[in-house]
Amino acid sequence: MLTERARAKVNLTLHVRGKRADGYHDLASLVAFADCADGLSLAPAQQLTLTVSGPRASECGSLDDNLVLKAARALGARLPKSPTGAFELDKHLPAAAGIGGGSADAAAALRLLARADGLGTDDPRIVEAARATGADVPVCLRSSACVMSGVGEKLTAVNMPRLPCVLINPGVPVATKDVFATLGLKPGEAFGADSEAVSIAWPETASTDTWLRAIKSGRNDLEPPALRVQPAIAEVLASLRAEAGCQLARMSGSGATCFGLFGDDTAAAVAARQLKADHPRWWIVASGLS
């Protein structure tokens, strides 16, 4: 049996450049990955199957539509023989949460299949299958800090230090399509604030203070429309900002998960304990981003 961790994706910044004529949005995003993750295993079998367990298994919906199987089938279309095996997903990350849980699972599936077939994750067939599965799957395939641009296909590695954080999801799903619809760009239209946003020079050193300043100079352009779609996000951000030691609070992706960056793991753990006591129904974890 082979195993992989499907780490949560966090958009530390997310700048919208505009909407292309084909309907996709051009983005520029600094992406990092959290210590918290789903687990995925692959065992030999004559058929391609998927079973799901774990505390959030009920959120996965129909397994026929699961991105793990979609990724495996996309890879099979590019190989001489379709892959087989029994996937088992241990689901811990919330769904429709802006942290790429399904995309991370799909990427983990591709890494497992690559290992099983003796392929590198940079094999063009693996990369093409990732792109065919979803816009966030290529960056999740790497599962390390990088700048993502275009519609998710352009990736540049960065030397970012590990950043202690607290992640919070208030338990309300937010559909990405609804957030982009609220943003309201027409095909071919540029985003008005783009000129000041995409030129951030990410540090070449691993200095935490330098990186924090650079991240603070960015923003998430999907946060304002997401707040209109789901006002509960505002309460999450306010709760993070009220915690001692929180240096920055921002929404990830299209929401509703938000992150708070802290100076050290102890401060993040203390904040997470207090927030859990205040909001027992929220999904709250102290973690680190890298």
Protein backbone atom coordinates (compact mmCIF):
# COMPACT_ATOMS: atom_id res chain seq x y z
CA MET A 1 0.00 0.00 0.00
CA LEU A 2 1.21 3.50 -0.88
CA THR A 3 0.19 6.58 1.10
CA GLU A 4 0.20 10.35 0.53
CA ARG A 5 -0.85 13.45 2.47
CA ALA A 6 -3.17 15.89 0.71
CA ARG A 7 -2.22 19.17 2.38
CA ALA A 8 -4.61 22.10 2.57
CA LYS A 9 -3.87 24.87 0.06
CA VAL A 10 -3.88 28.46 1.33
CA ASN A 11 -3.87 31.52 -0.92
CA LEU A 12 -1.84 34.06 1.03
CA THR A 13 -2.59 36.59 -1.71
CA LEU A 14 -4.97 36.34 -4.66
CA HIS A 15 -4.99 39.07 -7.28
CA VAL A 16 -7.47 38.96 -10.14
CA ARG A 17 -6.00 40.26 -13.38
CA GLY A 18 -9.15 39.94 -15.46
CA LYS A 19 -11.56 37.61 -17.18
CA ARG A 20 -10.48 35.98 -20.41
CA ALA A 21 -12.61 35.67 -23.52
CA ASP A 22 -13.07 31.93 -22.79
CA GLY A 23 -14.64 32.74 -19.42
CA TYR A 24 -11.71 31.77 -17.21
CA HIS A 25 -10.13 34.29 -14.85
CA ASP A 26 -6.45 35.22 -14.95
CA LEU A 27 -5.02 35.22 -11.43
CA ALA A 28 -1.77 35.86 -9.60
CA SER A 29 -1.56 34.15 -6.21
CA LEU A 30 1.03 33.34 -3.58
CA VAL A 31 0.12 29.82 -2.49
CA ALA A 32 1.39 27.84 0.49
CA PHE A 33 0.38 24.53 2.04
CA ALA A 34 -0.66 23.78 5.60
CA ASP A 35 0.47 20.99 7.90
CA CYS A 36 -3.16 19.77 8.17
CA ALA A 37 -4.20 17.35 5.45
CA ASP A 38 -6.40 14.55 4.20
CA GLY A 39 -4.83 11.13 3.89
CA LEU A 40 -4.96 9.01 0.73
CA SER A 41 -3.77 5.45 0.21
CA LEU A 42 -3.58 3.22 -2.85
CA ALA A 43 -3.58 -0.58 -2.71
CA PRO A 44 -3.28 -3.01 -5.63
CA ALA A 45 -6.63 -4.04 -7.11
CA GLN A 46 -8.01 -5.14 -10.46
CA GLN A 47 -10.54 -2.29 -10.61
CA LEU A 48 -10.29 1.45 -9.96
CA THR A 49 -12.24 2.10 -6.76
CA LEU A 50 -12.55 4.74 -4.04
CA THR A 51 -13.79 4.47 -0.46
CA VAL A 52 -14.01 7.40 1.94
CA SER A 53 -13.77 7.49 5.72
CA GLY A 54 -12.84 10.09 8.33
CA PRO A 55 -14.67 12.86 10.19
CA ARG A 56 -15.73 14.71 7.01
CA ALA A 57 -16.54 11.76 4.77
CA SER A 58 -20.18 12.85 4.53
CA GLU A 59 -19.14 16.08 2.78
CA CYS A 60 -17.64 14.27 -0.21
CA GLY A 61 -20.93 13.79 -2.05
CA SER A 62 -21.19 11.27 -4.89
CA LEU A 63 -17.99 9.28 -5.24
CA ASP A 64 -18.53 9.05 -8.99
CA ASP A 65 -17.81 12.80 -9.18
CA ASN A 66 -14.88 12.73 -6.75
CA LEU A 67 -11.74 14.41 -8.06
CA VAL A 68 -9.59 11.44 -7.01
CA LEU A 69 -11.29 9.26 -9.61
CA LYS A 70 -11.44 12.12 -12.12
CA ALA A 71 -7.66 12.57 -11.84
CA ALA A 72 -7.04 8.83 -12.20
CA ARG A 73 -9.22 8.69 -15.32
CA ALA A 74 -7.53 11.77 -16.76
CA LEU A 75 -4.16 10.07 -16.32
CA GLY A 76 -5.51 6.83 -17.80
CA ALA A 77 -6.48 8.70 -20.95
CA ARG A 78 -2.80 9.61 -21.37
CA LEU A 79 -1.24 6.22 -20.64
CA PRO A 80 -1.18 3.01 -22.69
CA LYS A 81 -3.15 1.28 -19.93
CA SER A 82 -5.72 2.80 -17.56
CA PRO A 83 -4.59 2.70 -13.92
CA THR A 84 -6.24 0.39 -11.42
CA GLY A 85 -6.13 0.27 -7.64
CA ALA A 86 -8.17 0.77 -4.51
CA PHE A 87 -8.01 4.33 -3.20
CA GLU A 88 -9.00 5.03 0.39
CA LEU A 89 -9.51 8.66 1.38
CA ASP A 90 -9.34 9.72 5.03
CA LYS A 91 -11.25 13.01 4.88
CA HIS A 92 -10.39 15.75 7.40
CA LEU A 93 -10.46 19.00 5.41
CA PRO A 94 -13.78 20.85 4.94
CA ALA A 95 -15.31 20.88 1.45
CA ALA A 96 -16.09 23.98 -0.64
CA ALA A 97 -13.87 25.89 1.77
CA GLY A 98 -11.30 27.76 -0.32
CA ILE A 99 -8.42 25.49 0.73
CA GLY A 100 -8.43 23.13 -2.25
CA GLY A 101 -9.39 19.99 -0.35
CA GLY A 102 -10.69 18.15 -3.40
CA SER A 103 -7.83 19.42 -5.57
CA ALA A 104 -5.29 18.30 -2.97
CA ASP A 105 -6.90 14.85 -2.92
CA ALA A 106 -6.72 14.66 -6.72
CA ALA A 107 -3.08 15.73 -6.70
CA ALA A 108 -2.28 13.12 -4.05
CA ALA A 109 -3.93 10.51 -6.27
CA LEU A 110 -1.70 11.50 -9.18
CA ARG A 111 1.41 11.33 -6.98
CA LEU A 112 0.39 7.84 -5.83
CA LEU A 113 -0.24 6.64 -9.38
CA ALA A 114 3.08 8.15 -10.49
CA ARG A 115 4.89 6.23 -7.75
CA ALA A 116 3.04 3.03 -8.61
CA ASP A 117 4.03 3.35 -12.30
CA GLY A 118 7.57 4.60 -11.69
CA LEU A 119 6.82 8.06 -13.13
CA GLY A 120 8.08 11.41 -11.91
CA THR A 121 5.52 14.03 -10.87
CA ASP A 122 7.04 16.26 -13.55
CA ASP A 123 6.18 13.70 -16.24
CA PRO A 124 4.19 15.61 -18.90
CA ARG A 125 1.36 13.09 -18.69
CA ILE A 126 1.02 13.63 -14.93
CA VAL A 127 1.09 17.41 -15.38
CA GLU A 128 -1.46 17.29 -18.22
CA ALA A 129 -3.77 15.09 -16.14
CA ALA A 130 -3.52 17.57 -13.26
CA ARG A 131 -4.50 20.47 -15.53
CA ALA A 132 -7.38 18.46 -17.00
CA THR A 133 -8.72 17.69 -13.53
CA GLY A 134 -8.96 21.23 -12.14
CA ALA A 135 -7.32 24.65 -12.00
CA ASP A 136 -5.89 24.13 -8.49
CA VAL A 137 -4.63 20.58 -9.07
CA PRO A 138 -1.25 21.54 -10.67
CA VAL A 139 -0.22 23.67 -7.68
CA CYS A 140 -1.47 20.97 -5.28
CA LEU A 141 0.62 18.45 -7.21
CA ARG A 142 3.71 20.38 -6.04
CA SER A 143 2.32 20.94 -2.53
CA SER A 144 4.96 23.56 -1.72
CA ALA A 145 5.03 27.36 -1.65
CA CYS A 146 4.95 28.98 -5.07
CA VAL A 147 3.47 31.79 -7.12
CA MET A 148 0.58 30.58 -9.27
CA SER A 149 -0.57 32.62 -12.26
CA GLY A 150 -2.66 32.37 -15.39
CA VAL A 151 -5.55 30.00 -14.70
CA GLY A 152 -3.32 27.94 -12.43
CA GLU A 153 -0.93 26.48 -14.97
CA LYS A 154 2.05 28.82 -14.42
CA LEU A 155 3.99 27.97 -11.25
CA THR A 156 7.16 29.53 -9.84
CA ALA A 157 8.74 28.14 -6.66
CA VAL A 158 9.59 30.61 -3.88
CA ASN A 159 11.86 30.39 -0.85
CA MET A 160 9.23 31.12 1.78
CA PRO A 161 9.84 30.29 5.46
CA ARG A 162 7.35 28.26 7.47
CA LEU A 163 4.67 30.62 8.79
CA PRO A 164 2.68 29.62 11.93
CA CYS A 165 -1.03 30.13 11.40
CA VAL A 166 -4.56 29.44 12.53
CA LEU A 167 -7.08 28.25 9.96
CA ILE A 168 -10.83 28.73 10.51
CA ASN A 169 -13.84 27.61 8.54
CA PRO A 170 -17.23 28.62 9.96
CA GLY A 171 -18.99 25.58 8.53
CA VAL A 172 -20.70 27.32 5.63
CA PRO A 173 -19.86 26.21 2.07
CA VAL A 174 -19.13 28.93 -0.48
CA ALA A 175 -19.39 28.09 -4.18
CA THR A 176 -16.49 29.51 -6.19
CA LYS A 177 -18.79 30.22 -9.14
CA ASP A 178 -21.01 32.39 -6.93
CA VAL A 179 -18.04 34.46 -5.75
CA PHE A 180 -16.77 35.06 -9.29
CA ALA A 181 -20.30 35.88 -10.42
CA THR A 182 -20.51 38.49 -7.67
CA LEU A 183 -17.13 39.89 -8.73
CA GLY A 184 -18.97 40.58 -11.97
CA LEU A 185 -16.25 40.75 -14.64
CA LYS A 186 -17.28 40.36 -18.26
CA PRO A 187 -15.24 38.28 -20.76
CA GLY A 188 -12.24 40.32 -21.87
CA GLU A 189 -12.56 42.76 -18.96
CA ALA A 190 -9.56 43.60 -16.77
CA PHE A 191 -9.89 43.95 -13.02
CA GLY A 192 -9.74 47.63 -12.07
CA ALA A 193 -7.23 47.37 -9.22
CA ASP A 194 -4.85 45.09 -11.08
CA SER A 195 -2.17 47.66 -11.91
CA GLU A 196 -1.10 48.04 -8.26
CA ALA A 197 -1.27 44.37 -7.39
CA VAL A 198 0.65 41.98 -9.58
CA SER A 199 4.05 43.66 -9.34
CA ILE A 200 4.90 42.40 -5.81
CA ALA A 201 8.55 41.33 -5.71
CA TRP A 202 8.57 38.25 -3.51
CA PRO A 203 11.67 38.05 -1.29
CA GLU A 204 14.58 35.87 -2.32
CA THR A 205 15.59 35.35 1.31
CA ALA A 206 13.75 33.24 3.88
CA SER A 207 13.45 36.10 6.38
CA THR A 208 10.07 35.80 8.12
CA ASP A 209 9.72 39.54 8.71
CA THR A 210 10.50 40.32 5.07
CA TRP A 211 7.93 37.80 3.87
CA LEU A 212 5.26 39.09 6.24
CA ARG A 213 5.73 42.62 4.91
CA ALA A 214 5.46 41.39 1.33
CA ILE A 215 2.32 39.33 2.05
CA LYS A 216 0.70 42.26 3.86
CA SER A 217 1.25 44.41 0.74
CA GLY A 218 -1.01 42.07 -1.22
CA ARG A 219 -4.67 41.20 -0.83
CA ASN A 220 -7.37 38.72 -1.84
CA ASP A 221 -9.55 40.28 -4.51
CA LEU A 222 -12.21 37.61 -3.94
CA GLU A 223 -12.67 38.58 -0.29
CA PRO A 224 -15.09 41.51 -0.88
CA PRO A 225 -17.45 39.52 -3.16
CA ALA A 226 -17.21 36.48 -0.88
CA LEU A 227 -18.29 38.65 2.07
CA ARG A 228 -21.39 39.58 0.11
CA VAL A 229 -22.11 35.94 -0.70
CA GLN A 230 -21.44 34.74 2.86
CA PRO A 231 -21.38 37.44 5.61
CA ALA A 232 -20.18 34.87 8.20
CA ILE A 233 -16.67 35.37 6.79
CA ALA A 234 -16.57 38.84 8.36
CA GLU A 235 -17.06 37.33 11.83
CA VAL A 236 -14.22 34.89 11.25
CA LEU A 237 -11.83 37.64 10.18
CA ALA A 238 -12.82 39.83 13.14
CA SER A 239 -12.27 36.94 15.56
CA LEU A 240 -8.79 36.25 14.18
CA ARG A 241 -7.78 39.91 14.26
CA ALA A 242 -8.86 40.17 17.90
CA GLU A 243 -6.44 37.44 19.00
CA ALA A 244 -3.14 38.49 20.59
CA GLY A 245 -0.21 37.93 18.25
CA CYS A 246 -2.22 37.82 15.01
CA GLN A 247 -0.11 39.69 12.47
CA LEU A 248 -2.43 39.33 9.48
CA ALA A 249 -5.89 37.85 8.90
CA ARG A 250 -7.20 37.21 5.39
CA MET A 251 -9.52 34.89 3.49
CA SER A 252 -8.09 32.01 1.45
CA GLY A 253 -9.20 31.36 -2.12
CA SER A 254 -12.90 31.98 -2.63
CA GLY A 255 -13.69 31.27 1.05
CA ALA A 256 -15.03 30.67 3.53
CA THR A 257 -11.81 29.51 5.21
CA CYS A 258 -9.68 32.32 6.63
CA PHE A 259 -6.15 32.29 8.02
CA GLY A 260 -4.35 34.28 10.67
CA LEU A 261 -0.55 34.50 10.64
CA PHE A 262 1.23 34.45 14.00
CA GLY A 263 4.78 35.05 15.15
CA ASP A 264 5.31 31.53 16.51
CA ASP A 265 3.59 28.20 16.98
CA THR A 266 2.89 28.82 20.66
CA ALA A 267 0.93 32.01 19.93
CA ALA A 268 -1.01 30.20 17.17
CA ALA A 269 -1.84 27.29 19.49
CA VAL A 270 -3.02 29.61 22.28
CA ALA A 271 -5.21 31.54 19.84
CA ALA A 272 -6.67 28.33 18.40
CA ARG A 273 -7.61 27.07 21.86
CA GLN A 274 -9.36 30.32 22.72
CA LEU A 275 -11.17 30.48 19.39
CA LYS A 276 -12.35 26.87 19.76
CA ALA A 277 -13.76 27.72 23.19
CA ASP A 278 -15.57 30.76 21.78
CA HIS A 279 -16.78 29.04 18.59
CA PRO A 280 -17.12 25.29 19.21
CA ARG A 281 -18.92 24.67 15.90
CA TRP A 282 -16.20 26.18 13.73
CA TRP A 283 -13.41 24.10 12.18
CA ILE A 284 -10.28 25.58 13.77
CA VAL A 285 -6.70 24.28 13.56
CA ALA A 286 -3.31 25.67 14.52
CA SER A 287 -0.93 24.83 11.73
CA GLY A 288 2.01 26.07 9.69
CA LEU A 289 2.32 27.15 6.07
CA SER A 290 5.25 26.25 3.83
